[in-house]
């Protein structure tokens, strides 16, 4: 029989060490990201759904120069609003925007350093 590698225990020890020794840093980062997420979510929640649908449809047209795409964006967002899922969709969009921003902030310096 092949002996099992105690990978789960090692990862648990690593996570515990990080929580104990770097908890203050992770708490600070978490607070900052939570504040940014609340800000983006509030901004998306304040804008009326029809206005945001129009803005995103126009943005889709200017980025792609395709009328069919912008019509599809508008129809899809109208459907989301009509189904009563607008608030949940805006929460999801907030998470995606913040995550993409964090990825860019981390990725650009790493890419520059790697080249």
PDB file of N, CA and C in Angstrom:
ATOM      1  N   UNK A   1       0.839  -1.176   0.000  1.00  0.00           N
ATOM      2  CA  UNK A   1       0.000   0.000   0.000  1.00  0.00           C
ATOM      3  C   UNK A   1       0.894   1.254   0.000  1.00  0.00           C
ATOM      4  N   UNK A   2       0.473   2.243  -0.745  1.00  0.00           N
ATOM      5  CA  UNK A   2       1.228   3.492  -0.847  1.00  0.00           C
ATOM      6  C   UNK A   2       0.893   4.368   0.358  1.00  0.00           C
ATOM      7  N   UNK A   3       1.929   4.878   1.034  1.00  0.00           N
ATOM      8  CA  UNK A   3       1.640   5.747   2.186  1.00  0.00           C
ATOM      9  C   UNK A   3       1.021   7.070   1.724  1.00  0.00           C
ATOM     10  N   UNK A   4       0.109   7.575   2.512  1.00  0.00           N
ATOM     11  CA  UNK A   4      -0.567   8.830   2.176  1.00  0.00           C
ATOM     12  C   UNK A   4       0.290  10.009   2.619  1.00  0.00           C
ATOM     13  N   UNK A   5       0.308  11.011   1.777  1.00  0.00           N
ATOM     14  CA  UNK A   5       1.013  12.253   2.103  1.00  0.00           C
ATOM     15  C   UNK A   5       0.056  13.108   2.925  1.00  0.00           C
ATOM     16  N   UNK A   6       0.485  13.568   4.091  1.00  0.00           N
ATOM     17  CA  UNK A   6      -0.422  14.351   4.957  1.00  0.00           C
ATOM     18  C   UNK A   6      -0.559  15.802   4.495  1.00  0.00           C
ATOM     19  N   UNK A   7      -0.953  15.974   3.246  1.00  0.00           N
ATOM     20  CA  UNK A   7      -1.055  17.314   2.666  1.00  0.00           C
ATOM     21  C   UNK A   7      -2.067  18.174   3.410  1.00  0.00           C
ATOM     22  N   UNK A   8      -3.190  17.588   3.785  1.00  0.00           N
ATOM     23  CA  UNK A   8      -4.219  18.349   4.502  1.00  0.00           C
ATOM     24  C   UNK A   8      -3.705  18.912   5.815  1.00  0.00           C
ATOM     25  N   UNK A   9      -2.935  18.132   6.536  1.00  0.00           N
ATOM     26  CA  UNK A   9      -2.366  18.604   7.805  1.00  0.00           C
ATOM     27  C   UNK A   9      -1.369  19.725   7.567  1.00  0.00           C
ATOM     28  N   UNK A  10      -0.539  19.585   6.521  1.00  0.00           N
ATOM     29  CA  UNK A  10       0.446  20.620   6.226  1.00  0.00           C
ATOM     30  C   UNK A  10      -0.236  21.938   5.868  1.00  0.00           C
ATOM     31  N   UNK A  11      -1.262  21.852   5.048  1.00  0.00           N
ATOM     32  CA  UNK A  11      -1.988  23.067   4.656  1.00  0.00           C
ATOM     33  C   UNK A  11      -2.667  23.685   5.873  1.00  0.00           C
ATOM     34  N   UNK A  12      -3.231  22.868   6.730  1.00  0.00           N
ATOM     35  CA  UNK A  12      -3.870  23.377   7.944  1.00  0.00           C
ATOM     36  C   UNK A  12      -2.858  24.089   8.839  1.00  0.00           C
ATOM     37  N   UNK A  13      -1.663  23.523   8.978  1.00  0.00           N
ATOM     38  CA  UNK A  13      -0.609  24.173   9.765  1.00  0.00           C
ATOM     39  C   UNK A  13      -0.203  25.508   9.139  1.00  0.00           C
ATOM     40  N   UNK A  14      -0.085  25.539   7.806  1.00  0.00           N
ATOM     41  CA  UNK A  14       0.277  26.774   7.117  1.00  0.00           C
ATOM     42  C   UNK A  14      -0.791  27.846   7.307  1.00  0.00           C
ATOM     43  N   UNK A  15      -2.042  27.472   7.157  1.00  0.00           N
ATOM     44  CA  UNK A  15      -3.136  28.431   7.329  1.00  0.00           C
ATOM     45  C   UNK A  15      -3.174  28.946   8.763  1.00  0.00           C
ATOM     46  N   UNK A  16      -2.983  28.066   9.731  1.00  0.00           N
ATOM     47  CA  UNK A  16      -2.948  28.493  11.134  1.00  0.00           C
ATOM     48  C   UNK A  16      -1.795  29.455  11.384  1.00  0.00           C
ATOM     49  N   UNK A  17      -0.616  29.159  10.813  1.00  0.00           N
ATOM     50  CA  UNK A  17       0.546  30.039  10.989  1.00  0.00           C
ATOM     51  C   UNK A  17       0.275  31.416  10.383  1.00  0.00           C
ATOM     52  N   UNK A  18      -0.305  31.428   9.187  1.00  0.00           N
ATOM     53  CA  UNK A  18      -0.621  32.703   8.531  1.00  0.00           C
ATOM     54  C   UNK A  18      -1.624  33.490   9.367  1.00  0.00           C
ATOM     55  N   UNK A  19      -2.646  32.828   9.880  1.00  0.00           N
ATOM     56  CA  UNK A  19      -3.665  33.513  10.686  1.00  0.00           C
ATOM     57  C   UNK A  19      -3.062  34.095  11.958  1.00  0.00           C
ATOM     58  N   UNK A  20      -2.149  33.374  12.576  1.00  0.00           N
ATOM     59  CA  UNK A  20      -1.542  33.850  13.827  1.00  0.00           C
ATOM     60  C   UNK A  20      -0.543  34.968  13.566  1.00  0.00           C
ATOM     61  N   UNK A  21       0.332  34.798  12.585  1.00  0.00           N
ATOM     62  CA  UNK A  21       1.438  35.730  12.384  1.00  0.00           C
ATOM     63  C   UNK A  21       1.130  36.883  11.439  1.00  0.00           C
ATOM     64  N   UNK A  22       0.189  36.713  10.544  1.00  0.00           N
ATOM     65  CA  UNK A  22      -0.128  37.766   9.578  1.00  0.00           C
ATOM     66  C   UNK A  22      -1.576  38.221   9.674  1.00  0.00           C
ATOM     67  N   UNK A  23      -2.247  37.870  10.755  1.00  0.00           N
ATOM     68  CA  UNK A  23      -3.653  38.219  10.918  1.00  0.00           C
ATOM     69  C   UNK A  23      -3.911  39.709  10.852  1.00  0.00           C
ATOM     70  N   UNK A  24      -3.027  40.501  11.453  1.00  0.00           N
ATOM     71  CA  UNK A  24      -3.198  41.959  11.446  1.00  0.00           C
ATOM     72  C   UNK A  24      -3.158  42.510  10.030  1.00  0.00           C
ATOM     73  N   UNK A  25      -2.263  41.977   9.202  1.00  0.00           N
ATOM     74  CA  UNK A  25      -2.142  42.431   7.817  1.00  0.00           C
ATOM     75  C   UNK A  25      -3.373  42.023   7.006  1.00  0.00           C
ATOM     76  N   UNK A  26      -3.799  40.785   7.185  1.00  0.00           N
ATOM     77  CA  UNK A  26      -4.973  40.305   6.458  1.00  0.00           C
ATOM     78  C   UNK A  26      -6.239  41.034   6.892  1.00  0.00           C
ATOM     79  N   UNK A  27      -6.337  41.385   8.178  1.00  0.00           N
ATOM     80  CA  UNK A  27      -7.488  42.165   8.652  1.00  0.00           C
ATOM     81  C   UNK A  27      -7.513  43.545   8.006  1.00  0.00           C
ATOM     82  N   UNK A  28      -6.347  44.171   7.880  1.00  0.00           N
ATOM     83  CA  UNK A  28      -6.271  45.481   7.233  1.00  0.00           C
ATOM     84  C   UNK A  28      -6.657  45.420   5.769  1.00  0.00           C
ATOM     85  N   UNK A  29      -6.127  44.432   5.069  1.00  0.00           N
ATOM     86  CA  UNK A  29      -6.464  44.258   3.655  1.00  0.00           C
ATOM     87  C   UNK A  29      -7.953  43.983   3.500  1.00  0.00           C
ATOM     88  N   UNK A  30      -8.494  43.146   4.371  1.00  0.00           N
ATOM     89  CA  UNK A  30      -9.921  42.823   4.328  1.00  0.00           C
ATOM     90  C   UNK A  30     -10.776  44.064   4.554  1.00  0.00           C
ATOM     91  N   UNK A  31     -10.368  44.908   5.495  1.00  0.00           N
ATOM     92  CA  UNK A  31     -11.128  46.136   5.770  1.00  0.00           C
ATOM     93  C   UNK A  31     -11.133  47.071   4.566  1.00  0.00           C
ATOM     94  N   UNK A  32      -9.978  47.215   3.932  1.00  0.00           N
ATOM     95  CA  UNK A  32      -9.878  48.090   2.758  1.00  0.00           C
ATOM     96  C   UNK A  32     -10.747  47.560   1.617  1.00  0.00           C
ATOM     97  N   UNK A  33     -10.641  46.261   1.345  1.00  0.00           N
ATOM     98  CA  UNK A  33     -11.434  45.674   0.260  1.00  0.00           C
ATOM     99  C   UNK A  33     -12.925  45.741   0.556  1.00  0.00           C
ATOM    100  N   UNK A  34     -13.286  45.559   1.812  1.00  0.00           N
ATOM    101  CA  UNK A  34     -14.699  45.647   2.197  1.00  0.00           C
ATOM    102  C   UNK A  34     -15.222  47.067   1.992  1.00  0.00           C
ATOM    103  N   UNK A  35     -14.405  48.068   2.320  1.00  0.00           N
ATOM    104  CA  UNK A  35     -14.807  49.465   2.133  1.00  0.00           C
ATOM    105  C   UNK A  35     -14.997  49.763   0.643  1.00  0.00           C
ATOM    106  N   UNK A  36     -14.055  49.304  -0.192  1.00  0.00           N
ATOM    107  CA  UNK A  36     -14.160  49.526  -1.635  1.00  0.00           C
ATOM    108  C   UNK A  36     -15.391  48.816  -2.195  1.00  0.00           C
ATOM    109  N   UNK A  37     -15.618  47.592  -1.749  1.00  0.00           N
ATOM    110  CA  UNK A  37     -16.779  46.829  -2.212  1.00  0.00           C
ATOM    111  C   UNK A  37     -18.082  47.512  -1.816  1.00  0.00           C
ATOM    112  N   UNK A  38     -18.155  48.025  -0.602  1.00  0.00           N
ATOM    113  CA  UNK A  38     -19.351  48.752  -0.166  1.00  0.00           C
ATOM    114  C   UNK A  38     -19.564  50.009  -1.003  1.00  0.00           C
ATOM    115  N   UNK A  39     -18.477  50.710  -1.327  1.00  0.00           N
ATOM    116  CA  UNK A  39     -18.570  51.923  -2.142  1.00  0.00           C
ATOM    117  C   UNK A  39     -19.107  51.605  -3.539  1.00  0.00           C
ATOM    118  N   UNK A  40     -18.527  50.601  -4.186  1.00  0.00           N
ATOM    119  CA  UNK A  40     -18.970  50.228  -5.533  1.00  0.00           C
ATOM    120  C   UNK A  40     -20.419  49.749  -5.505  1.00  0.00           C
ATOM    121  N   UNK A  41     -20.749  48.949  -4.511  1.00  0.00           N
ATOM    122  CA  UNK A  41     -22.116  48.441  -4.382  1.00  0.00           C
ATOM    123  C   UNK A  41     -23.112  49.576  -4.158  1.00  0.00           C
ATOM    124  N   UNK A  42     -22.733  50.554  -3.348  1.00  0.00           N
ATOM    125  CA  UNK A  42     -23.599  51.705  -3.099  1.00  0.00           C
ATOM    126  C   UNK A  42     -23.803  52.521  -4.371  1.00  0.00           C
ATOM    127  N   UNK A  43     -22.724  52.742  -5.113  1.00  0.00           N
ATOM    128  CA  UNK A  43     -22.826  53.510  -6.357  1.00  0.00           C
ATOM    129  C   UNK A  43     -23.753  52.799  -7.343  1.00  0.00           C
ATOM    130  N   UNK A  44     -23.579  51.483  -7.493  1.00  0.00           N
ATOM    131  CA  UNK A  44     -24.443  50.739  -8.416  1.00  0.00           C
ATOM    132  C   UNK A  44     -25.877  50.664  -7.908  1.00  0.00           C
ATOM    133  N   UNK A  45     -26.062  50.711  -6.595  1.00  0.00           N
ATOM    134  CA  UNK A  45     -27.406  50.650  -6.030  1.00  0.00           C
ATOM    135  C   UNK A  45     -28.157  51.959  -6.117  1.00  0.00           C
ATOM    136  N   UNK A  46     -27.426  53.073  -6.180  1.00  0.00           N
ATOM    137  CA  UNK A  46     -28.057  54.396  -6.219  1.00  0.00           C
ATOM    138  C   UNK A  46     -28.558  54.724  -7.625  1.00  0.00           C
ATOM    139  N   UNK A  47     -27.821  54.286  -8.632  1.00  0.00           N
ATOM    140  CA  UNK A  47     -28.194  54.589 -10.015  1.00  0.00           C
ATOM    141  C   UNK A  47     -29.458  53.792 -10.371  1.00  0.00           C
ATOM    142  N   UNK A  48     -30.481  54.467 -10.916  1.00  0.00           N
ATOM    143  CA  UNK A  48     -31.695  53.743 -11.326  1.00  0.00           C
ATOM    144  C   UNK A  48     -31.375  52.679 -12.379  1.00  0.00           C
ATOM    145  N   UNK A  49     -32.109  51.593 -12.328  1.00  0.00           N
ATOM    146  CA  UNK A  49     -31.806  50.464 -13.210  1.00  0.00           C
ATOM    147  C   UNK A  49     -31.894  50.843 -14.689  1.00  0.00           C
ATOM    148  N   UNK A  50     -32.886  51.614 -15.069  1.00  0.00           N
ATOM    149  CA  UNK A  50     -33.016  51.984 -16.485  1.00  0.00           C
ATOM    150  C   UNK A  50     -31.848  52.841 -16.953  1.00  0.00           C
ATOM    151  N   UNK A  51     -31.374  53.725 -16.089  1.00  0.00           N
ATOM    152  CA  UNK A  51     -30.228  54.554 -16.453  1.00  0.00           C
ATOM    153  C   UNK A  51     -28.978  53.696 -16.617  1.00  0.00           C
ATOM    154  N   UNK A  52     -28.775  52.755 -15.713  1.00  0.00           N
ATOM    155  CA  UNK A  52     -27.596  51.896 -15.798  1.00  0.00           C
ATOM    156  C   UNK A  52     -27.675  50.968 -17.011  1.00  0.00           C
ATOM    157  N   UNK A  53     -28.874  50.505 -17.336  1.00  0.00           N
ATOM    158  CA  UNK A  53     -29.047  49.682 -18.536  1.00  0.00           C
ATOM    159  C   UNK A  53     -28.656  50.483 -19.772  1.00  0.00           C
ATOM    160  N   UNK A  54     -29.107  51.717 -19.848  1.00  0.00           N
ATOM    161  CA  UNK A  54     -28.767  52.574 -20.985  1.00  0.00           C
ATOM    162  C   UNK A  54     -27.264  52.831 -21.046  1.00  0.00           C
ATOM    163  N   UNK A  55     -26.662  53.144 -19.906  1.00  0.00           N
ATOM    164  CA  UNK A  55     -25.217  53.410 -19.857  1.00  0.00           C
ATOM    165  C   UNK A  55     -24.430  52.187 -20.322  1.00  0.00           C
ATOM    166  N   UNK A  56     -24.781  51.009 -19.817  1.00  0.00           N
ATOM    167  CA  UNK A  56     -24.043  49.798 -20.175  1.00  0.00           C
ATOM    168  C   UNK A  56     -24.265  49.400 -21.626  1.00  0.00           C
ATOM    169  N   UNK A  57     -25.466  49.626 -22.153  1.00  0.00           N
ATOM    170  CA  UNK A  57     -25.724  49.323 -23.564  1.00  0.00           C
ATOM    171  C   UNK A  57     -24.918  50.254 -24.469  1.00  0.00           C
ATOM    172  N   UNK A  58     -24.872  51.527 -24.125  1.00  0.00           N
ATOM    173  CA  UNK A  58     -24.080  52.485 -24.910  1.00  0.00           C
ATOM    174  C   UNK A  58     -22.596  52.153 -24.804  1.00  0.00           C
ATOM    175  N   UNK A  59     -22.144  51.800 -23.613  1.00  0.00           N
ATOM    176  CA  UNK A  59     -20.748  51.410 -23.419  1.00  0.00           C
ATOM    177  C   UNK A  59     -20.417  50.170 -24.253  1.00  0.00           C
ATOM    178  N   UNK A  60     -21.322  49.202 -24.289  1.00  0.00           N
ATOM    179  CA  UNK A  60     -21.110  47.997 -25.097  1.00  0.00           C
ATOM    180  C   UNK A  60     -21.001  48.355 -26.575  1.00  0.00           C
ATOM    181  N   UNK A  61     -21.813  49.315 -27.026  1.00  0.00           N
ATOM    182  CA  UNK A  61     -21.739  49.722 -28.429  1.00  0.00           C
ATOM    183  C   UNK A  61     -20.411  50.408 -28.737  1.00  0.00           C
ATOM    184  N   UNK A  62     -19.991  51.337 -27.875  1.00  0.00           N
ATOM    185  CA  UNK A  62     -18.762  52.076 -28.154  1.00  0.00           C
ATOM    186  C   UNK A  62     -17.519  51.191 -28.053  1.00  0.00           C
ATOM    187  N   UNK A  63     -17.566  50.167 -27.223  1.00  0.00           N
ATOM    188  CA  UNK A  63     -16.418  49.274 -27.109  1.00  0.00           C
ATOM    189  C   UNK A  63     -16.360  48.252 -28.233  1.00  0.00           C
ATOM    190  N   UNK A  64     -17.530  47.868 -28.771  1.00  0.00           N
ATOM    191  CA  UNK A  64     -17.544  46.817 -29.794  1.00  0.00           C
ATOM    192  C   UNK A  64     -17.942  47.313 -31.179  1.00  0.00           C
ATOM    193  N   UNK A  65     -18.613  48.436 -31.252  1.00  0.00           N
ATOM    194  CA  UNK A  65     -19.162  48.973 -32.508  1.00  0.00           C
ATOM    195  C   UNK A  65     -20.159  48.006 -33.146  1.00  0.00           C
ATOM    196  N   UNK A  66     -20.833  47.201 -32.305  1.00  0.00           N
ATOM    197  CA  UNK A  66     -21.825  46.247 -32.796  1.00  0.00           C
ATOM    198  C   UNK A  66     -23.171  46.552 -32.152  1.00  0.00           C
ATOM    199  N   UNK A  67     -24.139  46.886 -32.997  1.00  0.00           N
ATOM    200  CA  UNK A  67     -25.468  47.235 -32.506  1.00  0.00           C
ATOM    201  C   UNK A  67     -26.138  46.027 -31.862  1.00  0.00           C
ATOM    202  N   UNK A  68     -25.981  44.860 -32.475  1.00  0.00           N
ATOM    203  CA  UNK A  68     -26.626  43.661 -31.949  1.00  0.00           C
ATOM    204  C   UNK A  68     -26.139  43.333 -30.529  1.00  0.00           C
ATOM    205  N   UNK A  69     -24.869  43.543 -30.270  1.00  0.00           N
ATOM    206  CA  UNK A  69     -24.343  43.294 -28.931  1.00  0.00           C
ATOM    207  C   UNK A  69     -24.961  44.252 -27.920  1.00  0.00           C
ATOM    208  N   UNK A  70     -25.044  45.527 -28.270  1.00  0.00           N
ATOM    209  CA  UNK A  70     -25.610  46.494 -27.326  1.00  0.00           C
ATOM    210  C   UNK A  70     -27.100  46.237 -27.098  1.00  0.00           C
ATOM    211  N   UNK A  71     -27.812  45.802 -28.123  1.00  0.00           N
ATOM    212  CA  UNK A  71     -29.224  45.441 -27.951  1.00  0.00           C
ATOM    213  C   UNK A  71     -29.340  44.218 -27.047  1.00  0.00           C
ATOM    214  N   UNK A  72     -28.454  43.252 -27.232  1.00  0.00           N
ATOM    215  CA  UNK A  72     -28.449  42.066 -26.378  1.00  0.00           C
ATOM    216  C   UNK A  72     -28.151  42.400 -24.927  1.00  0.00           C
ATOM    217  N   UNK A  73     -27.210  43.313 -24.713  1.00  0.00           N
ATOM    218  CA  UNK A  73     -26.895  43.758 -23.350  1.00  0.00           C
ATOM    219  C   UNK A  73     -28.125  44.409 -22.725  1.00  0.00           C
ATOM    220  N   UNK A  74     -28.762  45.299 -23.478  1.00  0.00           N
ATOM    221  CA  UNK A  74     -29.941  45.990 -22.951  1.00  0.00           C
ATOM    222  C   UNK A  74     -31.071  45.006 -22.650  1.00  0.00           C
ATOM    223  N   UNK A  75     -31.336  44.089 -23.567  1.00  0.00           N
ATOM    224  CA  UNK A  75     -32.413  43.117 -23.348  1.00  0.00           C
ATOM    225  C   UNK A  75     -32.108  42.198 -22.167  1.00  0.00           C
ATOM    226  N   UNK A  76     -30.866  41.756 -22.062  1.00  0.00           N
ATOM    227  CA  UNK A  76     -30.491  40.901 -20.944  1.00  0.00           C
ATOM    228  C   UNK A  76     -30.639  41.606 -19.604  1.00  0.00           C
ATOM    229  N   UNK A  77     -30.220  42.862 -19.554  1.00  0.00           N
ATOM    230  CA  UNK A  77     -30.342  43.624 -18.309  1.00  0.00           C
ATOM    231  C   UNK A  77     -31.799  43.951 -17.994  1.00  0.00           C
ATOM    232  N   UNK A  78     -32.603  44.226 -19.029  1.00  0.00           N
ATOM    233  CA  UNK A  78     -34.043  44.420 -18.801  1.00  0.00           C
ATOM    234  C   UNK A  78     -34.663  43.155 -18.213  1.00  0.00           C
ATOM    235  N   UNK A  79     -34.260  42.005 -18.724  1.00  0.00           N
ATOM    236  CA  UNK A  79     -34.777  40.737 -18.223  1.00  0.00           C
ATOM    237  C   UNK A  79     -34.387  40.531 -16.756  1.00  0.00           C
ATOM    238  N   UNK A  80     -33.141  40.825 -16.428  1.00  0.00           N
ATOM    239  CA  UNK A  80     -32.694  40.708 -15.031  1.00  0.00           C
ATOM    240  C   UNK A  80     -33.525  41.616 -14.134  1.00  0.00           C
ATOM    241  N   UNK A  81     -33.748  42.850 -14.579  1.00  0.00           N
ATOM    242  CA  UNK A  81     -34.540  43.797 -13.792  1.00  0.00           C
ATOM    243  C   UNK A  81     -35.985  43.326 -13.677  1.00  0.00           C
ATOM    244  N   UNK A  82     -36.545  42.833 -14.774  1.00  0.00           N
ATOM    245  CA  UNK A  82     -37.935  42.389 -14.792  1.00  0.00           C
ATOM    246  C   UNK A  82     -38.163  41.178 -13.891  1.00  0.00           C
ATOM    247  N   UNK A  83     -37.153  40.336 -13.730  1.00  0.00           N
ATOM    248  CA  UNK A  83     -37.275  39.143 -12.894  1.00  0.00           C
ATOM    249  C   UNK A  83     -37.043  39.447 -11.413  1.00  0.00           C
ATOM    250  N   UNK A  84     -36.742  40.705 -11.108  1.00  0.00           N
ATOM    251  CA  UNK A  84     -36.526  41.091  -9.719  1.00  0.00           C
ATOM    252  C   UNK A  84     -35.158  40.714  -9.183  1.00  0.00           C
ATOM    253  N   UNK A  85     -34.214  40.507 -10.080  1.00  0.00           N
ATOM    254  CA  UNK A  85     -32.876  40.096  -9.676  1.00  0.00           C
ATOM    255  C   UNK A  85     -31.846  41.216  -9.800  1.00  0.00           C
ATOM    256  N   UNK A  86     -32.322  42.437  -9.948  1.00  0.00           N
ATOM    257  CA  UNK A  86     -31.410  43.551 -10.196  1.00  0.00           C
ATOM    258  C   UNK A  86     -30.438  43.763  -9.040  1.00  0.00           C
ATOM    259  N   UNK A  87     -30.932  43.765  -7.810  1.00  0.00           N
ATOM    260  CA  UNK A  87     -30.059  44.008  -6.657  1.00  0.00           C
ATOM    261  C   UNK A  87     -28.990  42.925  -6.535  1.00  0.00           C
ATOM    262  N   UNK A  88     -29.377  41.672  -6.725  1.00  0.00           N
ATOM    263  CA  UNK A  88     -28.399  40.582  -6.667  1.00  0.00           C
ATOM    264  C   UNK A  88     -27.380  40.695  -7.801  1.00  0.00           C
ATOM    265  N   UNK A  89     -27.840  41.089  -8.975  1.00  0.00           N
ATOM    266  CA  UNK A  89     -26.928  41.251 -10.106  1.00  0.00           C
ATOM    267  C   UNK A  89     -25.937  42.381  -9.850  1.00  0.00           C
ATOM    268  N   UNK A  90     -26.390  43.461  -9.217  1.00  0.00           N
ATOM    269  CA  UNK A  90     -25.486  44.568  -8.923  1.00  0.00           C
ATOM    270  C   UNK A  90     -24.478  44.191  -7.834  1.00  0.00           C
ATOM    271  N   UNK A  91     -24.890  43.360  -6.880  1.00  0.00           N
ATOM    272  CA  UNK A  91     -23.934  42.854  -5.886  1.00  0.00           C
ATOM    273  C   UNK A  91     -22.868  42.001  -6.563  1.00  0.00           C
ATOM    274  N   UNK A  92     -23.296  41.147  -7.484  1.00  0.00           N
ATOM    275  CA  UNK A  92     -22.355  40.304  -8.215  1.00  0.00           C
ATOM    276  C   UNK A  92     -21.426  41.149  -9.068  1.00  0.00           C
ATOM    277  N   UNK A  93     -21.973  42.160  -9.744  1.00  0.00           N
ATOM    278  CA  UNK A  93     -21.152  43.046 -10.557  1.00  0.00           C
ATOM    279  C   UNK A  93     -20.145  43.791  -9.695  1.00  0.00           C
ATOM    280  N   UNK A  94     -20.541  44.202  -8.497  1.00  0.00           N
ATOM    281  CA  UNK A  94     -19.618  44.865  -7.575  1.00  0.00           C
ATOM    282  C   UNK A  94     -18.451  43.954  -7.233  1.00  0.00           C
ATOM    283  N   UNK A  95     -18.750  42.695  -6.917  1.00  0.00           N
ATOM    284  CA  UNK A  95     -17.693  41.732  -6.596  1.00  0.00           C
ATOM    285  C   UNK A  95     -16.750  41.530  -7.777  1.00  0.00           C
ATOM    286  N   UNK A  96     -17.313  41.422  -8.971  1.00  0.00           N
ATOM    287  CA  UNK A  96     -16.495  41.205 -10.163  1.00  0.00           C
ATOM    288  C   UNK A  96     -15.603  42.415 -10.432  1.00  0.00           C
ATOM    289  N   UNK A  97     -16.148  43.620 -10.317  1.00  0.00           N
ATOM    290  CA  UNK A  97     -15.356  44.825 -10.571  1.00  0.00           C
ATOM    291  C   UNK A  97     -14.217  44.970  -9.573  1.00  0.00           C
ATOM    292  N   UNK A  98     -14.500  44.733  -8.297  1.00  0.00           N
ATOM    293  CA  UNK A  98     -13.452  44.847  -7.277  1.00  0.00           C
ATOM    294  C   UNK A  98     -12.405  43.760  -7.482  1.00  0.00           C
ATOM    295  N   UNK A  99     -12.829  42.540  -7.769  1.00  0.00           N
ATOM    296  CA  UNK A  99     -11.879  41.448  -7.989  1.00  0.00           C
ATOM    297  C   UNK A  99     -11.004  41.717  -9.213  1.00  0.00           C
ATOM    298  N   UNK A 100     -11.593  42.250 -10.267  1.00  0.00           N
ATOM    299  CA  UNK A 100     -10.815  42.577 -11.460  1.00  0.00           C
ATOM    300  C   UNK A 100      -9.814  43.685 -11.159  1.00  0.00           C
ATOM    301  N   UNK A 101     -10.234  44.674 -10.382  1.00  0.00           N
ATOM    302  CA  UNK A 101      -9.314  45.740  -9.995  1.00  0.00           C
ATOM    303  C   UNK A 101      -8.145  45.222  -9.178  1.00  0.00           C
ATOM    304  N   UNK A 102      -8.422  44.338  -8.237  1.00  0.00           N
ATOM    305  CA  UNK A 102      -7.352  43.747  -7.423  1.00  0.00           C
ATOM    306  C   UNK A 102      -6.415  42.931  -8.308  1.00  0.00           C
ATOM    307  N   UNK A 103      -6.973  42.172  -9.246  1.00  0.00           N
ATOM    308  CA  UNK A 103      -6.145  41.362 -10.143  1.00  0.00           C
ATOM    309  C   UNK A 103      -5.230  42.238 -10.989  1.00  0.00           C
ATOM    310  N   UNK A 104      -5.732  43.369 -11.454  1.00  0.00           N
ATOM    311  CA  UNK A 104      -4.913  44.287 -12.246  1.00  0.00           C
ATOM    312  C   UNK A 104      -3.827  44.912 -11.376  1.00  0.00           C
ATOM    313  N   UNK A 105      -4.191  45.323 -10.164  1.00  0.00           N
ATOM    314  CA  UNK A 105      -3.224  45.951  -9.262  1.00  0.00           C
ATOM    315  C   UNK A 105      -2.097  44.980  -8.907  1.00  0.00           C
ATOM    316  N   UNK A 106      -2.429  43.713  -8.734  1.00  0.00           N
ATOM    317  CA  UNK A 106      -1.407  42.717  -8.421  1.00  0.00           C
ATOM    318  C   UNK A 106      -0.683  42.260  -9.689  1.00  0.00           C
ATOM    319  N   UNK A 107      -1.417  42.076 -10.765  1.00  0.00           N
ATOM    320  CA  UNK A 107      -0.858  41.488 -11.973  1.00  0.00           C
ATOM    321  C   UNK A 107       0.096  42.378 -12.744  1.00  0.00           C
ATOM    322  N   UNK A 108      -0.176  43.665 -12.827  1.00  0.00           N
ATOM    323  CA  UNK A 108       0.698  44.551 -13.599  1.00  0.00           C
ATOM    324  C   UNK A 108       2.098  44.621 -12.992  1.00  0.00           C
ATOM    325  N   UNK A 109       2.241  44.882 -11.692  1.00  0.00           N
ATOM    326  CA  UNK A 109       3.605  44.885 -11.139  1.00  0.00           C
ATOM    327  C   UNK A 109       4.307  43.525 -11.257  1.00  0.00           C
ATOM    328  N   UNK A 110       3.557  42.437 -11.081  1.00  0.00           N
ATOM    329  CA  UNK A 110       4.170  41.115 -11.232  1.00  0.00           C
ATOM    330  C   UNK A 110       4.617  40.880 -12.672  1.00  0.00           C
ATOM    331  N   UNK A 111       3.813  41.308 -13.621  1.00  0.00           N
ATOM    332  CA  UNK A 111       4.186  41.163 -15.021  1.00  0.00           C
ATOM    333  C   UNK A 111       5.403  41.991 -15.382  1.00  0.00           C
ATOM    334  N   UNK A 112       5.472  43.197 -14.849  1.00  0.00           N
ATOM    335  CA  UNK A 112       6.637  44.046 -15.100  1.00  0.00           C
ATOM    336  C   UNK A 112       7.876  43.439 -14.455  1.00  0.00           C
ATOM    337  N   UNK A 113       7.727  42.942 -13.231  1.00  0.00           N
ATOM    338  CA  UNK A 113       8.864  42.339 -12.532  1.00  0.00           C
ATOM    339  C   UNK A 113       9.336  41.067 -13.225  1.00  0.00           C
ATOM    340  N   UNK A 114       8.424  40.341 -13.846  1.00  0.00           N
ATOM    341  CA  UNK A 114       8.789  39.088 -14.496  1.00  0.00           C
ATOM    342  C   UNK A 114       9.475  39.300 -15.841  1.00  0.00           C
ATOM    343  N   UNK A 115       9.320  40.472 -16.419  1.00  0.00           N
ATOM    344  CA  UNK A 115       9.908  40.689 -17.749  1.00  0.00           C
ATOM    345  C   UNK A 115      11.316  41.222 -17.690  1.00  0.00           C
TER     346      UNK A 115
END
